[in-house]
Amino acid sequence: MNEEQFKGKWNQAKGKLKQKYADLTDDDLLYAEGKSEELLGRLQEKTGKTKEDLKKEIDSF
């Protein structure tokens, strides 16, 4: 998934991720352009999943 695809899916994914992982906060899910790797790292810390697994999950929404 490239950066543009990630951005397109991100808005759809935010709400679903918060429902699935209750300990995620709005600050955790704050996404600024060009920060997808930082965001994935934060999600990885909170969920224990790999970055690739998280990309696949976001892509599936």
PDB file of N, CA and C in Angstrom:
ATOM      1  N   MET A   1       0.863  -1.161   0.000  1.00  0.00           N
ATOM      2  CA  MET A   1       0.000   0.000   0.000  1.00  0.00           C
ATOM      3  C   MET A   1       0.910   1.225   0.000  1.00  0.00           C
ATOM      4  N   ASN A   2       0.661   2.145  -0.939  1.00  0.00           N
ATOM      5  CA  ASN A   2       1.467   3.360  -0.962  1.00  0.00           C
ATOM      6  C   ASN A   2       0.837   4.443  -0.089  1.00  0.00           C
ATOM      7  N   GLU A   3       1.527   5.573   0.020  1.00  0.00           N
ATOM      8  CA  GLU A   3       1.100   6.656   0.915  1.00  0.00           C
ATOM      9  C   GLU A   3      -0.296   7.178   0.562  1.00  0.00           C
ATOM     10  N   GLU A   4      -0.594   7.329  -0.712  1.00  0.00           N
ATOM     11  CA  GLU A   4      -1.908   7.841  -1.131  1.00  0.00           C
ATOM     12  C   GLU A   4      -3.023   6.852  -0.793  1.00  0.00           C
ATOM     13  N   GLN A   5      -2.770   5.585  -1.001  1.00  0.00           N
ATOM     14  CA  GLN A   5      -3.763   4.572  -0.651  1.00  0.00           C
ATOM     15  C   GLN A   5      -3.985   4.550   0.857  1.00  0.00           C
ATOM     16  N   PHE A   6      -2.903   4.673   1.603  1.00  0.00           N
ATOM     17  CA  PHE A   6      -3.004   4.686   3.059  1.00  0.00           C
ATOM     18  C   PHE A   6      -3.869   5.856   3.512  1.00  0.00           C
ATOM     19  N   LYS A   7      -3.620   7.038   2.978  1.00  0.00           N
ATOM     20  CA  LYS A   7      -4.410   8.210   3.371  1.00  0.00           C
ATOM     21  C   LYS A   7      -5.877   8.018   3.041  1.00  0.00           C
ATOM     22  N   GLY A   8      -6.157   7.422   1.885  1.00  0.00           N
ATOM     23  CA  GLY A   8      -7.538   7.206   1.484  1.00  0.00           C
ATOM     24  C   GLY A   8      -8.279   6.266   2.415  1.00  0.00           C
ATOM     25  N   LYS A   9      -7.599   5.253   2.892  1.00  0.00           N
ATOM     26  CA  LYS A   9      -8.221   4.288   3.782  1.00  0.00           C
ATOM     27  C   LYS A   9      -8.260   4.769   5.230  1.00  0.00           C
ATOM     28  N   TRP A  10      -7.378   5.693   5.583  1.00  0.00           N
ATOM     29  CA  TRP A  10      -7.198   6.056   6.980  1.00  0.00           C
ATOM     30  C   TRP A  10      -8.465   6.578   7.629  1.00  0.00           C
ATOM     31  N   ASN A  11      -9.168   7.494   6.998  1.00  0.00           N
ATOM     32  CA  ASN A  11     -10.371   8.057   7.604  1.00  0.00           C
ATOM     33  C   ASN A  11     -11.414   6.990   7.874  1.00  0.00           C
ATOM     34  N   GLN A  12     -11.526   6.030   6.990  1.00  0.00           N
ATOM     35  CA  GLN A  12     -12.474   4.944   7.191  1.00  0.00           C
ATOM     36  C   GLN A  12     -12.051   4.055   8.356  1.00  0.00           C
ATOM     37  N   ALA A  13     -10.760   3.890   8.509  1.00  0.00           N
ATOM     38  CA  ALA A  13     -10.234   2.942   9.481  1.00  0.00           C
ATOM     39  C   ALA A  13     -10.239   3.466  10.913  1.00  0.00           C
ATOM     40  N   LYS A  14     -10.141   4.774  11.112  1.00  0.00           N
ATOM     41  CA  LYS A  14      -9.996   5.322  12.463  1.00  0.00           C
ATOM     42  C   LYS A  14     -11.080   4.843  13.421  1.00  0.00           C
ATOM     43  N   GLY A  15     -12.311   5.005  13.039  1.00  0.00           N
ATOM     44  CA  GLY A  15     -13.406   4.610  13.921  1.00  0.00           C
ATOM     45  C   GLY A  15     -13.418   3.129  14.210  1.00  0.00           C
ATOM     46  N   LYS A  16     -13.139   2.335  13.188  1.00  0.00           N
ATOM     47  CA  LYS A  16     -13.143   0.889  13.374  1.00  0.00           C
ATOM     48  C   LYS A  16     -12.001   0.442  14.274  1.00  0.00           C
ATOM     49  N   LEU A  17     -10.849   1.088  14.164  1.00  0.00           N
ATOM     50  CA  LEU A  17      -9.727   0.741  15.035  1.00  0.00           C
ATOM     51  C   LEU A  17     -10.029   1.088  16.490  1.00  0.00           C
ATOM     52  N   LYS A  18     -10.676   2.239  16.713  1.00  0.00           N
ATOM     53  CA  LYS A  18     -11.018   2.631  18.078  1.00  0.00           C
ATOM     54  C   LYS A  18     -12.019   1.654  18.693  1.00  0.00           C
ATOM     55  N   GLN A  19     -12.931   1.140  17.876  1.00  0.00           N
ATOM     56  CA  GLN A  19     -13.887   0.156  18.377  1.00  0.00           C
ATOM     57  C   GLN A  19     -13.192  -1.149  18.726  1.00  0.00           C
ATOM     58  N   LYS A  20     -12.259  -1.562  17.892  1.00  0.00           N
ATOM     59  CA  LYS A  20     -11.595  -2.850  18.074  1.00  0.00           C
ATOM     60  C   LYS A  20     -10.552  -2.809  19.187  1.00  0.00           C
ATOM     61  N   TYR A  21      -9.836  -1.683  19.302  1.00  0.00           N
ATOM     62  CA  TYR A  21      -8.771  -1.531  20.302  1.00  0.00           C
ATOM     63  C   TYR A  21      -9.143  -0.362  21.203  1.00  0.00           C
ATOM     64  N   ALA A  22      -9.845  -0.663  22.259  1.00  0.00           N
ATOM     65  CA  ALA A  22     -10.433   0.368  23.122  1.00  0.00           C
ATOM     66  C   ALA A  22      -9.407   1.291  23.760  1.00  0.00           C
ATOM     67  N   ASP A  23      -8.156   0.862  23.890  1.00  0.00           N
ATOM     68  CA  ASP A  23      -7.166   1.721  24.537  1.00  0.00           C
ATOM     69  C   ASP A  23      -6.538   2.747  23.596  1.00  0.00           C
ATOM     70  N   LEU A  24      -6.916   2.745  22.319  1.00  0.00           N
ATOM     71  CA  LEU A  24      -6.425   3.772  21.390  1.00  0.00           C
ATOM     72  C   LEU A  24      -7.128   5.091  21.670  1.00  0.00           C
ATOM     73  N   THR A  25      -6.376   6.168  21.657  1.00  0.00           N
ATOM     74  CA  THR A  25      -6.944   7.497  21.880  1.00  0.00           C
ATOM     75  C   THR A  25      -6.962   8.280  20.578  1.00  0.00           C
ATOM     76  N   ASP A  26      -7.645   9.419  20.586  1.00  0.00           N
ATOM     77  CA  ASP A  26      -7.631  10.290  19.419  1.00  0.00           C
ATOM     78  C   ASP A  26      -6.207  10.728  19.099  1.00  0.00           C
ATOM     79  N   ASP A  27      -5.405  10.983  20.143  1.00  0.00           N
ATOM     80  CA  ASP A  27      -4.011  11.365  19.923  1.00  0.00           C
ATOM     81  C   ASP A  27      -3.229  10.246  19.246  1.00  0.00           C
ATOM     82  N   ASP A  28      -3.500   9.010  19.624  1.00  0.00           N
ATOM     83  CA  ASP A  28      -2.829   7.883  18.982  1.00  0.00           C
ATOM     84  C   ASP A  28      -3.157   7.830  17.493  1.00  0.00           C
ATOM     85  N   LEU A  29      -4.372   8.197  17.158  1.00  0.00           N
ATOM     86  CA  LEU A  29      -4.843   8.067  15.784  1.00  0.00           C
ATOM     87  C   LEU A  29      -4.677   9.344  14.969  1.00  0.00           C
ATOM     88  N   LEU A  30      -4.071  10.358  15.548  1.00  0.00           N
ATOM     89  CA  LEU A  30      -3.819  11.595  14.821  1.00  0.00           C
ATOM     90  C   LEU A  30      -2.814  11.313  13.719  1.00  0.00           C
ATOM     91  N   TYR A  31      -3.180  11.640  12.496  1.00  0.00           N
ATOM     92  CA  TYR A  31      -2.333  11.342  11.344  1.00  0.00           C
ATOM     93  C   TYR A  31      -2.042  12.623  10.587  1.00  0.00           C
ATOM     94  N   ALA A  32      -0.776  12.915  10.425  1.00  0.00           N
ATOM     95  CA  ALA A  32      -0.357  14.056   9.618  1.00  0.00           C
ATOM     96  C   ALA A  32       0.304  13.509   8.362  1.00  0.00           C
ATOM     97  N   GLU A  33       0.107  14.175   7.248  1.00  0.00           N
ATOM     98  CA  GLU A  33       0.672  13.731   5.982  1.00  0.00           C
ATOM     99  C   GLU A  33       2.165  13.452   6.131  1.00  0.00           C
ATOM    100  N   GLY A  34       2.595  12.330   5.593  1.00  0.00           N
ATOM    101  CA  GLY A  34       3.998  11.962   5.666  1.00  0.00           C
ATOM    102  C   GLY A  34       4.388  11.269   6.951  1.00  0.00           C
ATOM    103  N   LYS A  35       3.433  10.998   7.819  1.00  0.00           N
ATOM    104  CA  LYS A  35       3.733  10.402   9.122  1.00  0.00           C
ATOM    105  C   LYS A  35       3.180   8.987   9.251  1.00  0.00           C
ATOM    106  N   SER A  36       2.957   8.315   8.170  1.00  0.00           N
ATOM    107  CA  SER A  36       2.326   6.996   8.251  1.00  0.00           C
ATOM    108  C   SER A  36       3.202   5.997   9.006  1.00  0.00           C
ATOM    109  N   GLU A  37       4.514   6.053   8.844  1.00  0.00           N
ATOM    110  CA  GLU A  37       5.384   5.118   9.554  1.00  0.00           C
ATOM    111  C   GLU A  37       5.357   5.380  11.056  1.00  0.00           C
ATOM    112  N   GLU A  38       5.336   6.651  11.439  1.00  0.00           N
ATOM    113  CA  GLU A  38       5.246   6.987  12.862  1.00  0.00           C
ATOM    114  C   GLU A  38       3.924   6.495  13.443  1.00  0.00           C
ATOM    115  N   LEU A  39       2.859   6.719  12.706  1.00  0.00           N
ATOM    116  CA  LEU A  39       1.542   6.265  13.142  1.00  0.00           C
ATOM    117  C   LEU A  39       1.516   4.751  13.270  1.00  0.00           C
ATOM    118  N   LEU A  40       2.040   4.045  12.272  1.00  0.00           N
ATOM    119  CA  LEU A  40       2.047   2.589  12.331  1.00  0.00           C
ATOM    120  C   LEU A  40       2.876   2.101  13.514  1.00  0.00           C
ATOM    121  N   GLY A  41       3.957   2.787  13.826  1.00  0.00           N
ATOM    122  CA  GLY A  41       4.759   2.421  14.991  1.00  0.00           C
ATOM    123  C   GLY A  41       3.975   2.564  16.281  1.00  0.00           C
ATOM    124  N   ARG A  42       3.212   3.644  16.389  1.00  0.00           N
ATOM    125  CA  ARG A  42       2.389   3.865  17.585  1.00  0.00           C
ATOM    126  C   ARG A  42       1.307   2.796  17.686  1.00  0.00           C
ATOM    127  N   LEU A  43       0.668   2.491  16.571  1.00  0.00           N
ATOM    128  CA  LEU A  43      -0.355   1.445  16.575  1.00  0.00           C
ATOM    129  C   LEU A  43       0.263   0.091  16.913  1.00  0.00           C
ATOM    130  N   GLN A  44       1.467  -0.144  16.419  1.00  0.00           N
ATOM    131  CA  GLN A  44       2.155  -1.394  16.696  1.00  0.00           C
ATOM    132  C   GLN A  44       2.404  -1.538  18.196  1.00  0.00           C
ATOM    133  N   GLU A  45       2.830  -0.474  18.850  1.00  0.00           N
ATOM    134  CA  GLU A  45       3.045  -0.502  20.295  1.00  0.00           C
ATOM    135  C   GLU A  45       1.758  -0.812  21.048  1.00  0.00           C
ATOM    136  N   LYS A  46       0.660  -0.199  20.628  1.00  0.00           N
ATOM    137  CA  LYS A  46      -0.613  -0.359  21.338  1.00  0.00           C
ATOM    138  C   LYS A  46      -1.261  -1.720  21.099  1.00  0.00           C
ATOM    139  N   THR A  47      -1.110  -2.256  19.882  1.00  0.00           N
ATOM    140  CA  THR A  47      -1.825  -3.481  19.530  1.00  0.00           C
ATOM    141  C   THR A  47      -0.970  -4.739  19.583  1.00  0.00           C
ATOM    142  N   GLY A  48       0.357  -4.590  19.510  1.00  0.00           N
ATOM    143  CA  GLY A  48       1.242  -5.741  19.482  1.00  0.00           C
ATOM    144  C   GLY A  48       1.323  -6.414  18.124  1.00  0.00           C
ATOM    145  N   LYS A  49       0.744  -5.806  17.111  1.00  0.00           N
ATOM    146  CA  LYS A  49       0.773  -6.375  15.760  1.00  0.00           C
ATOM    147  C   LYS A  49       1.954  -5.816  14.977  1.00  0.00           C
ATOM    148  N   THR A  50       2.336  -6.514  13.906  1.00  0.00           N
ATOM    149  CA  THR A  50       3.403  -6.013  13.040  1.00  0.00           C
ATOM    150  C   THR A  50       2.864  -4.898  12.160  1.00  0.00           C
ATOM    151  N   LYS A  51       3.769  -4.086  11.636  1.00  0.00           N
ATOM    152  CA  LYS A  51       3.352  -3.003  10.742  1.00  0.00           C
ATOM    153  C   LYS A  51       2.656  -3.557   9.510  1.00  0.00           C
ATOM    154  N   GLU A  52       3.159  -4.665   8.983  1.00  0.00           N
ATOM    155  CA  GLU A  52       2.530  -5.270   7.806  1.00  0.00           C
ATOM    156  C   GLU A  52       1.114  -5.746   8.126  1.00  0.00           C
ATOM    157  N   ASP A  53       0.939  -6.362   9.295  1.00  0.00           N
ATOM    158  CA  ASP A  53      -0.401  -6.805   9.697  1.00  0.00           C
ATOM    159  C   ASP A  53      -1.341  -5.614   9.843  1.00  0.00           C
ATOM    160  N   LEU A  54      -0.845  -4.526  10.416  1.00  0.00           N
ATOM    161  CA  LEU A  54      -1.678  -3.323  10.570  1.00  0.00           C
ATOM    162  C   LEU A  54      -2.040  -2.720   9.219  1.00  0.00           C
ATOM    163  N   LYS A  55      -1.090  -2.701   8.288  1.00  0.00           N
ATOM    164  CA  LYS A  55      -1.383  -2.187   6.940  1.00  0.00           C
ATOM    165  C   LYS A  55      -2.474  -3.017   6.282  1.00  0.00           C
ATOM    166  N   LYS A  56      -2.381  -4.339   6.418  1.00  0.00           N
ATOM    167  CA  LYS A  56      -3.392  -5.225   5.850  1.00  0.00           C
ATOM    168  C   LYS A  56      -4.760  -4.978   6.501  1.00  0.00           C
ATOM    169  N   GLU A  57      -4.757  -4.795   7.819  1.00  0.00           N
ATOM    170  CA  GLU A  57      -6.011  -4.555   8.522  1.00  0.00           C
ATOM    171  C   GLU A  57      -6.643  -3.238   8.071  1.00  0.00           C
ATOM    172  N   ILE A  58      -5.846  -2.192   7.964  1.00  0.00           N
ATOM    173  CA  ILE A  58      -6.365  -0.888   7.522  1.00  0.00           C
ATOM    174  C   ILE A  58      -6.863  -0.991   6.083  1.00  0.00           C
ATOM    175  N   ASP A  59      -6.140  -1.716   5.256  1.00  0.00           N
ATOM    176  CA  ASP A  59      -6.523  -1.889   3.862  1.00  0.00           C
ATOM    177  C   ASP A  59      -7.837  -2.647   3.719  1.00  0.00           C
ATOM    178  N   SER A  60      -8.155  -3.487   4.709  1.00  0.00           N
ATOM    179  CA  SER A  60      -9.373  -4.304   4.623  1.00  0.00           C
ATOM    180  C   SER A  60     -10.647  -3.536   4.952  1.00  0.00           C
ATOM    181  N   PHE A  61     -10.525  -2.341   5.543  1.00  0.00           N
ATOM    182  CA  PHE A  61     -11.709  -1.552   5.932  1.00  0.00           C
ATOM    183  C   PHE A  61     -12.367  -0.934   4.741  1.00  0.00           C
TER     184      PHE A  61
END
